[in-house]
Amino acid sequence: MEKYDLVVVGSGPAGRRAAIQAAKFSKRVLVIERGRRVGGVSVHTGTIPSKTLRETALNLSGWRERGFYGRSYRVKQDISADDLRTRLHITLGHEIEVLEHQFARNQVDTLRGEARFEDAKTVSVLGEEGETFHFTADCFLLSVGTVPFRPDYIPFDEECVFDSDGILEIGHLPRSMTIIGAGVIGIEYATIFNALDVHVTLIEPRDTMLDFS
């Protein structure tokens, strides 16, 4: 059973910074990530994907230049979902490589798998091949990220009904879209698809939009 000074569960923004900072203080650090690659929500489904989609939509649609060239101006006439995904995957691949290099440079160990506490100082990790590892540590940091709320009465099918994670893998650009919820995520995706000339209807049951309460 290997012993570490710090075991971090989750490689999102908080986990990666804590791991690298601890390593800089000469601590032996392990990062456990159950996703396909390191990066967490920020890299795979949150901040970076949505901002990449936004910049891709504004760039390919020519939205920023329409004030000069007219509303019909486009950099690319027929924008597809593949165009969005291609740019997205290139950007995410670069971000993951940067993070993996940071871990390697600071001698932070990483392991893909699902962690479970055995006791206050021990975790077991179910690896991707079904094997089990055990580790002890003086300190643990849980940085497991978030997932969208999916009520069981809504028929999410990843074809017509998506959440904010699933929309990143949309197969084609629809002619119209209804977004339920006018918080920061809903508004962001409304503006992205509107720039792509998708007719967007935004539904918010509260009296105000961009409400953080």
N, C-alpha and C. Protein backbone atom coordinates (compact mmCIF):
# COMPACT_ATOMS: atom_id res chain seq x y z
N MET A 1 0.85 -1.19 0.00
CA MET A 1 0.00 0.00 0.00
C MET A 1 0.89 1.25 0.00
N GLU A 2 0.70 2.11 -1.02
CA GLU A 2 1.53 3.31 -1.13
C GLU A 2 1.01 4.42 -0.22
N LYS A 3 1.95 5.22 0.28
CA LYS A 3 1.58 6.33 1.15
C LYS A 3 1.94 7.66 0.49
N TYR A 4 1.02 8.62 0.58
CA TYR A 4 1.23 9.96 0.05
C TYR A 4 1.02 10.99 1.15
N ASP A 5 1.58 12.17 0.95
CA ASP A 5 1.29 13.27 1.85
C ASP A 5 -0.11 13.82 1.60
N LEU A 6 -0.49 13.86 0.31
CA LEU A 6 -1.80 14.40 -0.07
C LEU A 6 -2.38 13.57 -1.21
N VAL A 7 -3.64 13.17 -1.05
CA VAL A 7 -4.38 12.54 -2.15
C VAL A 7 -5.53 13.48 -2.52
N VAL A 8 -5.59 13.83 -3.80
CA VAL A 8 -6.62 14.73 -4.31
C VAL A 8 -7.57 13.90 -5.17
N VAL A 9 -8.85 13.97 -4.85
CA VAL A 9 -9.86 13.27 -5.64
C VAL A 9 -10.55 14.30 -6.54
N GLY A 10 -10.25 14.24 -7.83
CA GLY A 10 -10.79 15.21 -8.78
C GLY A 10 -9.71 16.15 -9.27
N SER A 11 -9.64 16.35 -10.59
CA SER A 11 -8.56 17.15 -11.16
C SER A 11 -9.04 18.45 -11.79
N GLY A 12 -10.15 18.97 -11.27
CA GLY A 12 -10.63 20.27 -11.74
C GLY A 12 -9.79 21.40 -11.21
N PRO A 13 -10.24 22.66 -11.36
CA PRO A 13 -9.42 23.82 -10.98
C PRO A 13 -8.91 23.77 -9.55
N ALA A 14 -9.77 23.44 -8.57
CA ALA A 14 -9.33 23.40 -7.18
C ALA A 14 -8.35 22.26 -6.95
N GLY A 15 -8.67 21.08 -7.48
CA GLY A 15 -7.81 19.92 -7.28
C GLY A 15 -6.44 20.09 -7.90
N ARG A 16 -6.40 20.59 -9.12
CA ARG A 16 -5.09 20.72 -9.79
C ARG A 16 -4.21 21.74 -9.09
N ARG A 17 -4.80 22.86 -8.67
CA ARG A 17 -3.99 23.89 -8.02
C ARG A 17 -3.48 23.43 -6.66
N ALA A 18 -4.32 22.75 -5.92
CA ALA A 18 -3.89 22.23 -4.62
C ALA A 18 -2.78 21.21 -4.80
N ALA A 19 -2.92 20.31 -5.78
CA ALA A 19 -1.92 19.27 -6.01
C ALA A 19 -0.58 19.87 -6.40
N ILE A 20 -0.59 20.82 -7.32
CA ILE A 20 0.67 21.41 -7.79
C ILE A 20 1.32 22.24 -6.70
N GLN A 21 0.51 22.98 -5.94
CA GLN A 21 1.08 23.79 -4.86
C GLN A 21 1.70 22.91 -3.79
N ALA A 22 1.04 21.81 -3.44
CA ALA A 22 1.60 20.90 -2.45
C ALA A 22 2.90 20.28 -2.96
N ALA A 23 2.93 19.94 -4.24
CA ALA A 23 4.15 19.36 -4.80
C ALA A 23 5.30 20.36 -4.77
N LYS A 24 5.00 21.63 -4.96
CA LYS A 24 6.05 22.66 -4.90
C LYS A 24 6.63 22.78 -3.50
N PHE A 25 5.87 22.35 -2.49
CA PHE A 25 6.37 22.32 -1.11
C PHE A 25 6.97 20.96 -0.77
N SER A 26 7.32 20.22 -1.83
CA SER A 26 8.02 18.92 -1.70
C SER A 26 7.15 17.84 -1.06
N LYS A 27 5.85 17.94 -1.22
CA LYS A 27 4.95 16.90 -0.74
C LYS A 27 4.72 15.86 -1.84
N ARG A 28 4.53 14.63 -1.43
CA ARG A 28 4.23 13.56 -2.39
C ARG A 28 2.72 13.54 -2.61
N VAL A 29 2.31 13.74 -3.88
CA VAL A 29 0.90 13.99 -4.18
C VAL A 29 0.39 13.00 -5.22
N LEU A 30 -0.84 12.52 -5.00
CA LEU A 30 -1.54 11.68 -5.97
C LEU A 30 -2.87 12.35 -6.31
N VAL A 31 -3.17 12.44 -7.61
CA VAL A 31 -4.47 12.94 -8.08
C VAL A 31 -5.24 11.78 -8.69
N ILE A 32 -6.45 11.55 -8.21
CA ILE A 32 -7.31 10.48 -8.72
C ILE A 32 -8.44 11.13 -9.53
N GLU A 33 -8.61 10.69 -10.76
CA GLU A 33 -9.64 11.25 -11.64
C GLU A 33 -10.42 10.12 -12.29
N ARG A 34 -11.73 10.12 -12.15
CA ARG A 34 -12.52 9.04 -12.72
C ARG A 34 -12.95 9.32 -14.16
N GLY A 35 -12.76 10.56 -14.63
CA GLY A 35 -13.09 10.89 -16.02
C GLY A 35 -12.09 10.30 -16.99
N ARG A 36 -12.37 10.46 -18.26
CA ARG A 36 -11.50 9.89 -19.29
C ARG A 36 -10.10 10.49 -19.24
N ARG A 37 -10.02 11.80 -18.98
CA ARG A 37 -8.72 12.46 -18.88
C ARG A 37 -8.80 13.52 -17.79
N VAL A 38 -7.66 14.01 -17.36
CA VAL A 38 -7.64 15.02 -16.30
C VAL A 38 -8.25 16.32 -16.79
N GLY A 39 -8.65 17.17 -15.85
CA GLY A 39 -9.18 18.48 -16.21
C GLY A 39 -10.46 18.84 -15.50
N GLY A 40 -11.27 17.83 -15.19
CA GLY A 40 -12.50 18.10 -14.46
C GLY A 40 -13.53 18.86 -15.28
N VAL A 41 -14.54 19.35 -14.57
CA VAL A 41 -15.66 20.04 -15.21
C VAL A 41 -15.20 21.27 -15.99
N SER A 42 -14.26 22.02 -15.44
CA SER A 42 -13.81 23.24 -16.09
C SER A 42 -13.32 22.99 -17.52
N VAL A 43 -12.58 21.90 -17.71
CA VAL A 43 -12.00 21.59 -19.03
C VAL A 43 -12.99 20.86 -19.92
N HIS A 44 -13.75 19.93 -19.37
CA HIS A 44 -14.52 19.02 -20.22
C HIS A 44 -15.96 19.45 -20.48
N THR A 45 -16.61 20.08 -19.53
CA THR A 45 -18.02 20.42 -19.73
C THR A 45 -18.39 21.84 -19.30
N GLY A 46 -17.48 22.57 -18.67
CA GLY A 46 -17.85 23.86 -18.10
C GLY A 46 -17.26 25.06 -18.80
N THR A 47 -16.38 25.73 -18.10
CA THR A 47 -15.90 27.04 -18.53
C THR A 47 -15.24 27.03 -19.90
N ILE A 48 -14.24 26.20 -20.10
CA ILE A 48 -13.48 26.22 -21.35
C ILE A 48 -14.33 25.78 -22.54
N PRO A 49 -15.12 24.69 -22.45
CA PRO A 49 -15.95 24.33 -23.60
C PRO A 49 -16.94 25.42 -24.01
N SER A 50 -17.63 26.01 -23.03
CA SER A 50 -18.63 27.01 -23.39
C SER A 50 -17.98 28.25 -23.99
N LYS A 51 -16.83 28.66 -23.45
CA LYS A 51 -16.15 29.84 -24.01
C LYS A 51 -15.58 29.53 -25.40
N THR A 52 -15.12 28.29 -25.61
CA THR A 52 -14.63 27.91 -26.93
C THR A 52 -15.77 27.91 -27.94
N LEU A 53 -16.93 27.37 -27.57
CA LEU A 53 -18.08 27.39 -28.46
C LEU A 53 -18.49 28.82 -28.78
N ARG A 54 -18.45 29.67 -27.78
CA ARG A 54 -18.84 31.07 -27.99
C ARG A 54 -17.92 31.73 -29.01
N GLU A 55 -16.60 31.60 -28.82
CA GLU A 55 -15.66 32.24 -29.73
C GLU A 55 -15.75 31.64 -31.13
N THR A 56 -15.98 30.31 -31.22
CA THR A 56 -16.12 29.67 -32.52
C THR A 56 -17.35 30.17 -33.24
N ALA A 57 -18.47 30.28 -32.51
CA ALA A 57 -19.71 30.77 -33.11
C ALA A 57 -19.56 32.21 -33.59
N LEU A 58 -18.95 33.06 -32.77
CA LEU A 58 -18.78 34.45 -33.17
C LEU A 58 -17.83 34.58 -34.35
N ASN A 59 -16.80 33.73 -34.38
CA ASN A 59 -15.83 33.79 -35.46
C ASN A 59 -16.41 33.29 -36.78
N LEU A 60 -16.97 32.07 -36.79
CA LEU A 60 -17.46 31.48 -38.03
C LEU A 60 -18.69 32.19 -38.57
N SER A 61 -19.51 32.73 -37.68
CA SER A 61 -20.73 33.40 -38.13
C SER A 61 -20.45 34.82 -38.63
N GLY A 62 -19.26 35.36 -38.31
CA GLY A 62 -18.98 36.74 -38.68
C GLY A 62 -19.79 37.74 -37.88
N TRP A 63 -20.27 37.32 -36.70
CA TRP A 63 -21.19 38.15 -35.92
C TRP A 63 -20.58 39.50 -35.57
N ARG A 64 -19.30 39.52 -35.23
CA ARG A 64 -18.67 40.79 -34.82
C ARG A 64 -18.56 41.78 -35.98
N GLU A 65 -18.53 41.27 -37.22
CA GLU A 65 -18.36 42.15 -38.37
C GLU A 65 -19.69 42.55 -39.02
N ARG A 66 -20.81 42.03 -38.50
CA ARG A 66 -22.08 42.30 -39.14
C ARG A 66 -22.49 43.76 -39.08
N GLY A 67 -22.02 44.46 -38.04
CA GLY A 67 -22.32 45.88 -37.97
C GLY A 67 -21.75 46.66 -39.14
N PHE A 68 -20.68 46.14 -39.73
CA PHE A 68 -20.04 46.81 -40.87
C PHE A 68 -20.51 46.25 -42.20
N TYR A 69 -20.55 44.90 -42.30
CA TYR A 69 -20.88 44.25 -43.57
C TYR A 69 -22.37 43.97 -43.75
N GLY A 70 -23.17 44.07 -42.67
CA GLY A 70 -24.59 43.77 -42.76
C GLY A 70 -24.94 42.46 -42.07
N ARG A 71 -26.23 42.29 -41.75
CA ARG A 71 -26.67 41.14 -40.97
C ARG A 71 -26.52 39.82 -41.71
N SER A 72 -26.42 39.85 -43.02
CA SER A 72 -26.31 38.60 -43.79
C SER A 72 -24.87 38.11 -43.89
N TYR A 73 -23.90 38.89 -43.40
CA TYR A 73 -22.48 38.52 -43.55
C TYR A 73 -22.15 37.30 -42.70
N ARG A 74 -21.38 36.37 -43.31
CA ARG A 74 -20.89 35.19 -42.59
C ARG A 74 -19.49 34.88 -43.08
N VAL A 75 -18.63 34.44 -42.17
CA VAL A 75 -17.31 33.96 -42.56
C VAL A 75 -17.44 32.61 -43.24
N LYS A 76 -18.30 31.74 -42.70
CA LYS A 76 -18.58 30.42 -43.28
C LYS A 76 -20.08 30.31 -43.48
N GLN A 77 -20.50 30.05 -44.70
CA GLN A 77 -21.93 30.08 -45.02
C GLN A 77 -22.70 28.96 -44.34
N ASP A 78 -22.18 27.75 -44.38
CA ASP A 78 -22.90 26.60 -43.82
C ASP A 78 -22.13 26.07 -42.62
N ILE A 79 -22.50 26.55 -41.45
CA ILE A 79 -21.85 26.14 -40.22
C ILE A 79 -22.56 24.90 -39.68
N SER A 80 -21.78 23.88 -39.36
CA SER A 80 -22.36 22.63 -38.86
C SER A 80 -21.93 22.38 -37.42
N ALA A 81 -22.58 21.41 -36.79
CA ALA A 81 -22.19 21.01 -35.44
C ALA A 81 -20.78 20.44 -35.45
N ASP A 82 -20.38 19.81 -36.55
CA ASP A 82 -19.01 19.29 -36.67
C ASP A 82 -17.98 20.40 -36.61
N ASP A 83 -18.29 21.56 -37.20
CA ASP A 83 -17.37 22.70 -37.13
C ASP A 83 -17.15 23.11 -35.68
N LEU A 84 -18.22 23.13 -34.90
CA LEU A 84 -18.10 23.52 -33.49
C LEU A 84 -17.31 22.48 -32.71
N ARG A 85 -17.62 21.20 -32.92
CA ARG A 85 -16.94 20.14 -32.17
C ARG A 85 -15.47 20.06 -32.52
N THR A 86 -15.12 20.27 -33.79
CA THR A 86 -13.72 20.19 -34.19
C THR A 86 -12.89 21.22 -33.44
N ARG A 87 -13.35 22.47 -33.44
CA ARG A 87 -12.62 23.52 -32.71
C ARG A 87 -12.59 23.22 -31.22
N LEU A 88 -13.71 22.70 -30.70
CA LEU A 88 -13.79 22.39 -29.27
C LEU A 88 -12.79 21.33 -28.88
N HIS A 89 -12.71 20.24 -29.66
CA HIS A 89 -11.82 19.14 -29.32
C HIS A 89 -10.35 19.55 -29.44
N ILE A 90 -10.03 20.41 -30.39
CA ILE A 90 -8.65 20.90 -30.51
C ILE A 90 -8.27 21.70 -29.27
N THR A 91 -9.15 22.59 -28.85
CA THR A 91 -8.88 23.43 -27.68
C THR A 91 -8.78 22.59 -26.41
N LEU A 92 -9.71 21.65 -26.23
CA LEU A 92 -9.68 20.82 -25.03
C LEU A 92 -8.45 19.93 -25.00
N GLY A 93 -8.06 19.41 -26.15
CA GLY A 93 -6.84 18.60 -26.21
C GLY A 93 -5.62 19.38 -25.78
N HIS A 94 -5.55 20.64 -26.21
CA HIS A 94 -4.43 21.50 -25.81
C HIS A 94 -4.43 21.74 -24.31
N GLU A 95 -5.61 22.03 -23.73
CA GLU A 95 -5.69 22.30 -22.30
C GLU A 95 -5.31 21.07 -21.49
N ILE A 96 -5.72 19.90 -21.93
CA ILE A 96 -5.38 18.67 -21.22
C ILE A 96 -3.88 18.42 -21.27
N GLU A 97 -3.26 18.64 -22.43
CA GLU A 97 -1.82 18.46 -22.55
C GLU A 97 -1.05 19.40 -21.63
N VAL A 98 -1.52 20.64 -21.52
CA VAL A 98 -0.88 21.60 -20.62
C VAL A 98 -0.97 21.12 -19.18
N LEU A 99 -2.14 20.62 -18.78
CA LEU A 99 -2.33 20.15 -17.41
C LEU A 99 -1.50 18.91 -17.14
N GLU A 100 -1.47 17.96 -18.07
CA GLU A 100 -0.66 16.76 -17.88
C GLU A 100 0.81 17.12 -17.76
N HIS A 101 1.25 18.11 -18.54
CA HIS A 101 2.65 18.55 -18.46
C HIS A 101 2.93 19.19 -17.10
N GLN A 102 1.98 19.96 -16.58
CA GLN A 102 2.15 20.58 -15.25
C GLN A 102 2.29 19.52 -14.17
N PHE A 103 1.46 18.50 -14.23
CA PHE A 103 1.55 17.42 -13.26
C PHE A 103 2.90 16.70 -13.36
N ALA A 104 3.31 16.40 -14.59
CA ALA A 104 4.58 15.68 -14.78
C ALA A 104 5.75 16.53 -14.33
N ARG A 105 5.75 17.81 -14.66
CA ARG A 105 6.86 18.69 -14.30
C ARG A 105 7.01 18.83 -12.79
N ASN A 106 5.88 18.79 -12.08
CA ASN A 106 5.91 18.93 -10.62
C ASN A 106 5.89 17.59 -9.89
N GLN A 107 6.03 16.50 -10.66
CA GLN A 107 6.10 15.14 -10.10
C GLN A 107 4.85 14.79 -9.28
N VAL A 108 3.70 15.18 -9.82
CA VAL A 108 2.41 14.79 -9.24
C VAL A 108 1.95 13.51 -9.93
N ASP A 109 1.71 12.46 -9.16
CA ASP A 109 1.22 11.21 -9.72
C ASP A 109 -0.27 11.33 -10.03
N THR A 110 -0.71 10.68 -11.10
CA THR A 110 -2.14 10.67 -11.44
C THR A 110 -2.60 9.23 -11.67
N LEU A 111 -3.87 9.00 -11.39
CA LEU A 111 -4.45 7.67 -11.58
C LEU A 111 -5.89 7.83 -11.99
N ARG A 112 -6.27 7.12 -13.05
CA ARG A 112 -7.66 7.14 -13.49
C ARG A 112 -8.42 6.04 -12.78
N GLY A 113 -9.52 6.41 -12.15
CA GLY A 113 -10.33 5.43 -11.44
C GLY A 113 -11.30 6.12 -10.50
N GLU A 114 -12.10 5.32 -9.81
CA GLU A 114 -13.11 5.84 -8.88
C GLU A 114 -12.66 5.55 -7.45
N ALA A 115 -12.55 6.60 -6.65
CA ALA A 115 -12.03 6.48 -5.29
C ALA A 115 -13.16 6.25 -4.28
N ARG A 116 -12.83 5.50 -3.24
CA ARG A 116 -13.77 5.25 -2.15
C ARG A 116 -12.98 5.15 -0.84
N PHE A 117 -13.45 5.83 0.20
CA PHE A 117 -12.77 5.78 1.49
C PHE A 117 -12.99 4.43 2.15
N GLU A 118 -11.88 3.84 2.63
CA GLU A 118 -11.95 2.63 3.45
C GLU A 118 -11.96 3.00 4.93
N ASP A 119 -11.20 4.02 5.28
CA ASP A 119 -11.21 4.59 6.63
C ASP A 119 -10.68 6.01 6.50
N ALA A 120 -10.42 6.66 7.65
CA ALA A 120 -10.05 8.07 7.63
C ALA A 120 -8.72 8.34 6.93
N LYS A 121 -7.88 7.33 6.77
CA LYS A 121 -6.56 7.54 6.18
C LYS A 121 -6.31 6.68 4.94
N THR A 122 -7.33 5.97 4.48
CA THR A 122 -7.12 5.02 3.38
C THR A 122 -8.22 5.15 2.33
N VAL A 123 -7.82 5.15 1.06
CA VAL A 123 -8.78 5.08 -0.03
C VAL A 123 -8.47 3.89 -0.91
N SER A 124 -9.53 3.30 -1.47
CA SER A 124 -9.36 2.29 -2.51
C SER A 124 -9.80 2.91 -3.82
N VAL A 125 -9.14 2.51 -4.90
CA VAL A 125 -9.46 3.06 -6.21
C VAL A 125 -9.73 1.92 -7.17
N LEU A 126 -10.92 1.93 -7.77
CA LEU A 126 -11.27 0.95 -8.79
C LEU A 126 -10.77 1.48 -10.13
N GLY A 127 -9.75 0.83 -10.68
CA GLY A 127 -9.12 1.30 -11.90
C GLY A 127 -9.94 1.00 -13.14
N GLU A 128 -9.51 1.55 -14.28
CA GLU A 128 -10.26 1.42 -15.52
C GLU A 128 -10.27 -0.01 -16.05
N GLU A 129 -9.34 -0.85 -15.63
CA GLU A 129 -9.32 -2.24 -16.05
C GLU A 129 -9.95 -3.18 -15.03
N GLY A 130 -10.59 -2.60 -13.99
CA GLY A 130 -11.24 -3.40 -12.98
C GLY A 130 -10.37 -3.76 -11.80
N GLU A 131 -9.11 -3.34 -11.83
CA GLU A 131 -8.21 -3.63 -10.73
C GLU A 131 -8.45 -2.65 -9.58
N THR A 132 -8.03 -3.04 -8.36
CA THR A 132 -8.22 -2.20 -7.19
C THR A 132 -6.87 -1.82 -6.59
N PHE A 133 -6.70 -0.53 -6.29
CA PHE A 133 -5.49 -0.02 -5.65
C PHE A 133 -5.87 0.55 -4.28
N HIS A 134 -4.91 0.53 -3.36
CA HIS A 134 -5.13 1.11 -2.04
C HIS A 134 -4.02 2.11 -1.73
N PHE A 135 -4.41 3.25 -1.15
CA PHE A 135 -3.45 4.29 -0.82
C PHE A 135 -3.78 4.86 0.55
N THR A 136 -2.74 5.23 1.27
CA THR A 136 -2.92 5.97 2.52
C THR A 136 -2.34 7.36 2.35
N ALA A 137 -2.83 8.30 3.15
CA ALA A 137 -2.34 9.68 3.05
C ALA A 137 -2.58 10.40 4.37
N ASP A 138 -1.77 11.43 4.59
CA ASP A 138 -1.96 12.27 5.78
C ASP A 138 -3.15 13.21 5.58
N CYS A 139 -3.34 13.66 4.33
CA CYS A 139 -4.42 14.60 4.03
C CYS A 139 -5.12 14.20 2.73
N PHE A 140 -6.40 14.52 2.65
CA PHE A 140 -7.19 14.28 1.45
C PHE A 140 -7.92 15.56 1.07
N LEU A 141 -8.04 15.79 -0.22
CA LEU A 141 -8.84 16.91 -0.73
C LEU A 141 -9.86 16.34 -1.71
N LEU A 142 -11.15 16.58 -1.42
CA LEU A 142 -12.22 16.15 -2.31
C LEU A 142 -12.61 17.33 -3.20
N SER A 143 -12.36 17.19 -4.48
CA SER A 143 -12.67 18.24 -5.45
C SER A 143 -13.34 17.59 -6.65
N VAL A 144 -14.56 17.10 -6.41
CA VAL A 144 -15.20 16.20 -7.36
C VAL A 144 -16.10 16.89 -8.38
N GLY A 145 -16.20 18.22 -8.33
CA GLY A 145 -16.94 18.93 -9.37
C GLY A 145 -18.45 18.83 -9.22
N THR A 146 -19.16 19.22 -10.28
CA THR A 146 -20.61 19.26 -10.27
C THR A 146 -21.17 18.63 -11.55
N VAL A 147 -22.44 18.31 -11.51
CA VAL A 147 -23.15 17.82 -12.69
C VAL A 147 -24.48 18.56 -12.78
N PRO A 148 -25.05 18.71 -13.97
CA PRO A 148 -26.36 19.38 -14.08
C PRO A 148 -27.45 18.57 -13.38
N PHE A 149 -28.43 19.28 -12.85
CA PHE A 149 -29.59 18.63 -12.23
C PHE A 149 -30.49 18.09 -13.34
N ARG A 150 -30.84 16.80 -13.26
CA ARG A 150 -31.66 16.16 -14.29
C ARG A 150 -32.90 15.56 -13.66
N PRO A 151 -34.01 16.32 -13.58
CA PRO A 151 -35.25 15.77 -13.00
C PRO A 151 -35.71 14.54 -13.77
N ASP A 152 -36.21 13.54 -13.04
CA ASP A 152 -36.60 12.28 -13.69
C ASP A 152 -37.84 12.41 -14.56
N TYR A 153 -38.55 13.53 -14.46
CA TYR A 153 -39.75 13.71 -15.28
C TYR A 153 -39.46 14.42 -16.61
N ILE A 154 -38.20 14.75 -16.86
CA ILE A 154 -37.82 15.37 -18.13
C ILE A 154 -37.13 14.31 -18.99
N PRO A 155 -37.59 14.09 -20.23
CA PRO A 155 -37.06 12.99 -21.06
C PRO A 155 -35.75 13.36 -21.77
N PHE A 156 -34.67 13.46 -21.02
CA PHE A 156 -33.37 13.73 -21.65
C PHE A 156 -33.01 12.57 -22.59
N ASP A 157 -32.84 12.86 -23.88
CA ASP A 157 -32.51 11.81 -24.84
C ASP A 157 -31.26 12.13 -25.65
N GLU A 158 -30.64 13.30 -25.41
CA GLU A 158 -29.42 13.72 -26.10
C GLU A 158 -29.62 13.83 -27.62
N GLU A 159 -30.87 13.92 -28.04
CA GLU A 159 -31.20 14.15 -29.44
C GLU A 159 -32.03 15.42 -29.61
N CYS A 160 -33.07 15.53 -28.77
CA CYS A 160 -33.90 16.73 -28.79
C CYS A 160 -33.87 17.46 -27.45
N VAL A 161 -33.65 16.71 -26.38
CA VAL A 161 -33.64 17.29 -25.03
C VAL A 161 -32.25 17.09 -24.43
N PHE A 162 -31.59 18.20 -24.10
CA PHE A 162 -30.21 18.16 -23.60
C PHE A 162 -30.13 18.90 -22.27
N ASP A 163 -29.08 18.59 -21.50
CA ASP A 163 -28.68 19.48 -20.42
C ASP A 163 -27.44 20.24 -20.88
N SER A 164 -26.85 21.04 -19.99
CA SER A 164 -25.74 21.90 -20.40
C SER A 164 -24.47 21.11 -20.69
N ASP A 165 -24.39 19.84 -20.25
CA ASP A 165 -23.26 18.98 -20.63
C ASP A 165 -23.51 18.34 -22.00
N GLY A 166 -24.70 17.79 -22.17
CA GLY A 166 -25.01 17.07 -23.40
C GLY A 166 -25.03 17.95 -24.64
N ILE A 167 -25.33 19.24 -24.47
CA ILE A 167 -25.41 20.13 -25.63
C ILE A 167 -24.07 20.27 -26.33
N LEU A 168 -22.99 19.96 -25.62
CA LEU A 168 -21.65 20.06 -26.22
C LEU A 168 -21.45 19.02 -27.32
N GLU A 169 -22.24 17.96 -27.31
CA GLU A 169 -22.12 16.90 -28.32
C GLU A 169 -23.34 16.86 -29.24
N ILE A 170 -24.00 18.00 -29.41
CA ILE A 170 -25.17 18.06 -30.28
C ILE A 170 -24.80 17.62 -31.70
N GLY A 171 -25.66 16.80 -32.30
CA GLY A 171 -25.34 16.21 -33.60
C GLY A 171 -25.54 17.14 -34.78
N HIS A 172 -26.46 18.09 -34.65
CA HIS A 172 -26.70 19.03 -35.75
C HIS A 172 -27.26 20.31 -35.17
N LEU A 173 -27.13 21.40 -35.91
CA LEU A 173 -27.67 22.68 -35.47
C LEU A 173 -29.15 22.73 -35.82
N PRO A 174 -30.02 22.93 -34.84
CA PRO A 174 -31.46 22.98 -35.12
C PRO A 174 -31.86 24.34 -35.69
N ARG A 175 -33.04 24.40 -36.25
CA ARG A 175 -33.57 25.69 -36.72
C ARG A 175 -34.08 26.52 -35.56
N SER A 176 -34.54 25.84 -34.50
CA SER A 176 -35.05 26.56 -33.33
C SER A 176 -34.68 25.80 -32.07
N MET A 177 -34.68 26.51 -30.96
CA MET A 177 -34.28 25.93 -29.68
C MET A 177 -35.00 26.67 -28.56
N THR A 178 -35.46 25.92 -27.57
CA THR A 178 -36.03 26.50 -26.36
C THR A 178 -35.10 26.22 -25.20
N ILE A 179 -34.71 27.24 -24.48
CA ILE A 179 -33.83 27.10 -23.32
C ILE A 179 -34.62 27.44 -22.07
N ILE A 180 -34.66 26.51 -21.14
CA ILE A 180 -35.40 26.71 -19.90
C ILE A 180 -34.41 27.08 -18.80
N GLY A 181 -34.53 28.30 -18.32
CA GLY A 181 -33.62 28.79 -17.29
C GLY A 181 -32.76 29.92 -17.82
N ALA A 182 -32.91 31.09 -17.25
CA ALA A 182 -32.17 32.27 -17.72
C ALA A 182 -31.10 32.68 -16.72
N GLY A 183 -30.40 31.67 -16.18
CA GLY A 183 -29.22 31.96 -15.38
C GLY A 183 -28.03 32.18 -16.29
N VAL A 184 -26.84 32.19 -15.71
CA VAL A 184 -25.65 32.50 -16.51
C VAL A 184 -25.43 31.46 -17.61
N ILE A 185 -25.70 30.17 -17.32
CA ILE A 185 -25.47 29.13 -18.33
C ILE A 185 -26.51 29.21 -19.44
N GLY A 186 -27.77 29.36 -19.06
CA GLY A 186 -28.83 29.48 -20.06
C GLY A 186 -28.64 30.66 -20.98
N ILE A 187 -28.31 31.82 -20.40
CA ILE A 187 -28.08 33.02 -21.21
C ILE A 187 -26.88 32.84 -22.13
N GLU A 188 -25.83 32.22 -21.63
CA GLU A 188 -24.63 32.02 -22.44
C GLU A 188 -24.95 31.18 -23.67
N TYR A 189 -25.63 30.04 -23.48
CA TYR A 189 -25.95 29.20 -24.63
C TYR A 189 -26.99 29.84 -25.54
N ALA A 190 -27.88 30.64 -24.99
CA ALA A 190 -28.84 31.36 -25.82
C ALA A 190 -28.12 32.31 -26.78
N THR A 191 -27.12 33.02 -26.29
CA THR A 191 -26.39 33.96 -27.15
C THR A 191 -25.53 33.21 -28.17
N ILE A 192 -24.96 32.06 -27.78
CA ILE A 192 -24.14 31.28 -28.70
C ILE A 192 -24.98 30.82 -29.89
N PHE A 193 -26.13 30.20 -29.62
CA PHE A 193 -26.93 29.66 -30.72
C PHE A 193 -27.65 30.76 -31.50
N ASN A 194 -27.95 31.86 -30.84
CA ASN A 194 -28.52 32.99 -31.57
C ASN A 194 -27.53 33.54 -32.59
N ALA A 195 -26.23 33.58 -32.22
CA ALA A 195 -25.20 34.03 -33.16
C ALA A 195 -25.10 33.11 -34.37
N LEU A 196 -25.52 31.86 -34.21
CA LEU A 196 -25.51 30.90 -35.32
C LEU A 196 -26.83 30.90 -36.08
N ASP A 197 -27.65 31.92 -35.83
CA ASP A 197 -28.94 32.11 -36.51
C ASP A 197 -29.96 31.02 -36.17
N VAL A 198 -29.81 30.42 -35.00
CA VAL A 198 -30.84 29.52 -34.48
C VAL A 198 -31.87 30.37 -33.74
N HIS A 199 -33.14 30.15 -34.02
CA HIS A 199 -34.19 30.91 -33.33
C HIS A 199 -34.30 30.39 -31.90
N VAL A 200 -34.02 31.23 -30.92
CA VAL A 200 -33.97 30.81 -29.52
C VAL A 200 -35.13 31.42 -28.74
N THR A 201 -35.85 30.58 -28.01
CA THR A 201 -36.86 31.03 -27.06
C THR A 201 -36.35 30.75 -25.66
N LEU A 202 -36.30 31.77 -24.82
CA LEU A 202 -35.76 31.65 -23.47
C LEU A 202 -36.90 31.73 -22.47
N ILE A 203 -37.01 30.70 -21.62
CA ILE A 203 -38.10 30.63 -20.64
C ILE A 203 -37.51 30.73 -19.24
N GLU A 204 -38.02 31.67 -18.44
CA GLU A 204 -37.57 31.84 -17.07
C GLU A 204 -38.78 32.11 -16.18
N PRO A 205 -39.08 31.23 -15.21
CA PRO A 205 -40.28 31.42 -14.38
C PRO A 205 -40.16 32.54 -13.36
N ARG A 206 -38.92 32.94 -13.05
CA ARG A 206 -38.76 34.02 -12.06
C ARG A 206 -38.93 35.38 -12.72
N ASP A 207 -38.97 36.40 -11.89
CA ASP A 207 -39.23 37.77 -12.40
C ASP A 207 -38.02 38.38 -13.08
N THR A 208 -36.81 37.88 -12.75
CA THR A 208 -35.61 38.47 -13.30
C THR A 208 -34.73 37.40 -13.94
N MET A 209 -33.89 37.82 -14.88
CA MET A 209 -32.92 36.95 -15.49
C MET A 209 -31.57 37.13 -14.80
N LEU A 210 -30.66 36.17 -15.04
CA LEU A 210 -29.32 36.19 -14.44
C LEU A 210 -29.41 36.32 -12.93
N ASP A 211 -30.37 35.60 -12.34
CA ASP A 211 -30.59 35.62 -10.89
C ASP A 211 -29.69 34.56 -10.26
N PHE A 212 -28.84 34.97 -9.32
CA PHE A 212 -27.90 34.04 -8.69
C PHE A 212 -28.44 33.46 -7.39
N SER A 213 -29.60 33.86 -6.94
CA SER A 213 -30.12 33.40 -5.65
C SER A 213 -30.75 32.02 -5.78
